[in-house]
Amino acid sequence: MTYGADRIYREVSYVAYHFHWPLEAILDLEHPERLRYVDQIADINTRISQGR
């Protein structure tokens, strides 16, 4: 199974936008680690939007 390029671009863009990390640093993350950051950012955004 391959991991789609569009999905990688979305993940990298999401982390870069929120953490301002350089592309190379984000791409150096192992996939599970990058997904964990994506999940954490989503949780933070959800809490903020709900006023928590």
Protein backbone atom coordinates (compact mmCIF):
# COMPACT_ATOMS: atom_id res chain seq x y z
CA MET A 1 0.00 0.00 0.00
CA THR A 2 1.34 3.40 -0.91
CA TYR A 3 0.85 6.58 0.97
CA GLY A 4 -0.60 9.21 -1.35
CA ALA A 5 1.42 12.29 -2.16
CA ASP A 6 -1.64 14.50 -1.63
CA ARG A 7 -2.00 13.21 1.92
CA ILE A 8 1.67 13.82 2.69
CA TYR A 9 1.37 17.38 1.35
CA ARG A 10 -1.67 18.00 3.58
CA GLU A 11 0.09 16.65 6.67
CA VAL A 12 3.29 18.57 6.03
CA SER A 13 1.41 21.79 5.26
CA TYR A 14 -0.68 21.44 8.40
CA VAL A 15 2.33 20.96 10.68
CA ALA A 16 4.35 23.67 8.92
CA TYR A 17 1.50 26.16 9.16
CA HIS A 18 0.94 25.64 12.88
CA PHE A 19 4.49 25.00 14.13
CA HIS A 20 6.47 26.96 11.51
CA TRP A 21 8.92 24.10 11.12
CA PRO A 22 11.01 23.83 7.95
CA LEU A 23 10.00 21.29 5.33
CA GLU A 24 13.08 19.14 5.89
CA ALA A 25 12.38 18.79 9.61
CA ILE A 26 8.81 17.67 9.00
CA LEU A 27 9.75 15.24 6.26
CA ASP A 28 12.43 13.74 8.51
CA LEU A 29 9.72 12.62 10.94
CA GLU A 30 8.62 9.02 10.74
CA HIS A 31 5.06 8.74 9.49
CA PRO A 32 3.51 7.73 12.85
CA GLU A 33 5.30 10.61 14.57
CA ARG A 34 4.11 13.10 11.94
CA LEU A 35 0.54 11.83 12.33
CA ARG A 36 0.80 12.26 16.08
CA TYR A 37 1.69 15.92 15.59
CA VAL A 38 -1.22 16.31 13.17
CA ASP A 39 -3.57 14.80 15.77
CA GLN A 40 -2.20 17.01 18.54
CA ILE A 41 -2.61 20.15 16.44
CA ALA A 42 -6.19 19.14 15.62
CA ASP A 43 -6.90 18.63 19.34
CA ILE A 44 -5.46 22.04 20.19
CA ASN A 45 -7.53 23.70 17.45
CA THR A 46 -10.67 21.94 18.64
CA ARG A 47 -10.14 23.04 22.25
CA ILE A 48 -9.49 26.62 21.16
CA SER A 49 -12.58 26.73 18.95
CA GLN A 50 -14.68 25.36 21.83
CA GLY A 51 -13.28 27.94 24.22
CA ARG A 52 -11.51 25.46 26.47
